[in-house]
Amino acid sequence: MGEAVVRVRAVVHGRVQMVGFRAFVIRHAENAGLSGTVRNEPDGSVETVLEGPRPEVERVLELLRRGPTHARVERVEVEYSNPTGSLPAMMVAS
């Protein structure tokens, strides 16, 4: 039987805009074979929605907690939900 597929919404707070955070998320999520979206929020946070096998989602969440070199992650809010299979290949959402 295959690995459990999960869907997660993660909102990353801190110095996470204008530091290449979205590109960082896309690169790591694509390398992990995940689907989803990432976007800057008006409050300065970055929201990402990921879907895929739990181990790969968890690995990307760990990377989000660190962020790219110039980011300063203060906290990550994570919400799990049922996967829908409707997410696109990784992309920046508007």
Protein backbone atom coordinates (compact mmCIF):
# COMPACT_ATOMS: atom_id res chain seq x y z
CA MET A 1 0.00 0.00 0.00
CA GLY A 2 1.23 3.54 -0.82
CA GLU A 3 2.18 6.31 1.55
CA ALA A 4 -0.54 8.47 3.06
CA VAL A 5 -1.16 11.64 1.07
CA VAL A 6 -1.73 14.79 3.12
CA ARG A 7 -2.64 18.40 2.48
CA VAL A 8 -1.19 21.15 4.61
CA ARG A 9 -1.55 24.92 4.75
CA ALA A 10 1.46 26.63 6.29
CA VAL A 11 1.71 30.35 7.04
CA VAL A 12 5.27 31.49 7.66
CA HIS A 13 5.79 34.65 9.72
CA GLY A 14 8.92 36.75 10.11
CA ARG A 15 11.22 38.36 7.56
CA VAL A 16 10.01 36.15 4.73
CA GLN A 17 9.15 38.51 1.88
CA MET A 18 11.74 40.00 -0.49
CA VAL A 19 14.26 37.29 0.47
CA GLY A 20 13.51 34.63 -2.18
CA PHE A 21 11.17 32.66 0.08
CA ARG A 22 8.63 31.76 -2.61
CA ALA A 23 11.34 30.49 -4.97
CA PHE A 24 12.85 28.54 -2.04
CA VAL A 25 9.46 26.88 -1.36
CA ILE A 26 8.85 26.06 -5.01
CA ARG A 27 12.33 24.57 -5.50
CA HIS A 28 12.09 22.28 -2.47
CA ALA A 29 8.45 21.30 -3.04
CA GLU A 30 9.12 20.45 -6.69
CA ASN A 31 12.19 18.42 -5.72
CA ALA A 32 9.95 16.51 -3.28
CA GLY A 33 7.31 15.91 -5.96
CA LEU A 34 4.64 17.94 -4.18
CA SER A 35 1.75 19.93 -5.64
CA GLY A 36 0.64 23.29 -4.34
CA THR A 37 0.81 27.03 -4.26
CA VAL A 38 2.79 29.72 -2.47
CA ARG A 39 2.02 33.42 -2.14
CA ASN A 40 2.90 36.56 -0.24
CA GLU A 41 0.22 37.80 2.13
CA PRO A 42 -0.53 41.50 2.82
CA ASP A 43 0.55 41.12 6.48
CA GLY A 44 4.11 40.19 5.40
CA SER A 45 3.73 36.43 5.85
CA VAL A 46 4.03 33.76 3.15
CA GLU A 47 1.29 31.15 2.74
CA THR A 48 1.89 27.82 1.10
CA VAL A 49 -0.49 24.94 0.48
CA LEU A 50 1.17 21.60 -0.20
CA GLU A 51 -0.16 18.18 -1.04
CA GLY A 52 1.65 14.90 -1.37
CA PRO A 53 3.07 11.96 0.57
CA ARG A 54 3.38 12.75 4.29
CA PRO A 55 7.16 12.17 4.58
CA GLU A 56 7.91 14.63 1.77
CA VAL A 57 5.44 17.21 3.11
CA GLU A 58 7.06 16.94 6.56
CA ARG A 59 10.54 17.43 5.06
CA VAL A 60 9.44 20.59 3.26
CA LEU A 61 7.77 21.88 6.45
CA GLU A 62 11.11 21.48 8.25
CA LEU A 63 12.77 23.55 5.54
CA LEU A 64 10.06 26.23 5.86
CA ARG A 65 10.87 26.52 9.56
CA ARG A 66 14.45 27.50 8.59
CA GLY A 67 13.85 29.37 5.33
CA PRO A 68 16.43 30.58 2.83
CA THR A 69 19.64 32.30 3.90
CA HIS A 70 18.32 35.88 4.19
CA ALA A 71 15.00 35.00 5.80
CA ARG A 72 14.25 35.13 9.52
CA VAL A 73 11.42 32.73 10.34
CA GLU A 74 9.67 33.60 13.59
CA ARG A 75 6.91 31.01 13.49
CA VAL A 76 5.02 28.67 11.15
CA GLU A 77 1.30 28.00 11.57
CA VAL A 78 0.38 24.60 10.14
CA GLU A 79 -3.10 23.23 9.43
CA TYR A 80 -3.70 19.75 8.02
CA SER A 81 -6.76 18.86 5.97
CA ASN A 82 -7.93 16.12 3.65
CA PRO A 83 -6.14 16.04 0.30
CA THR A 84 -8.26 16.93 -2.69
CA GLY A 85 -5.91 16.17 -5.58
CA SER A 86 -6.91 19.51 -7.08
CA LEU A 87 -3.68 21.45 -6.50
CA PRO A 88 -1.56 22.39 -9.52
CA ALA A 89 2.11 21.62 -9.94
CA MET A 90 3.97 24.04 -7.63
CA MET A 91 3.29 27.64 -8.58
CA VAL A 92 3.08 31.16 -7.19
CA ALA A 93 -0.57 32.03 -6.50
CA SER A 94 -1.97 35.51 -6.91
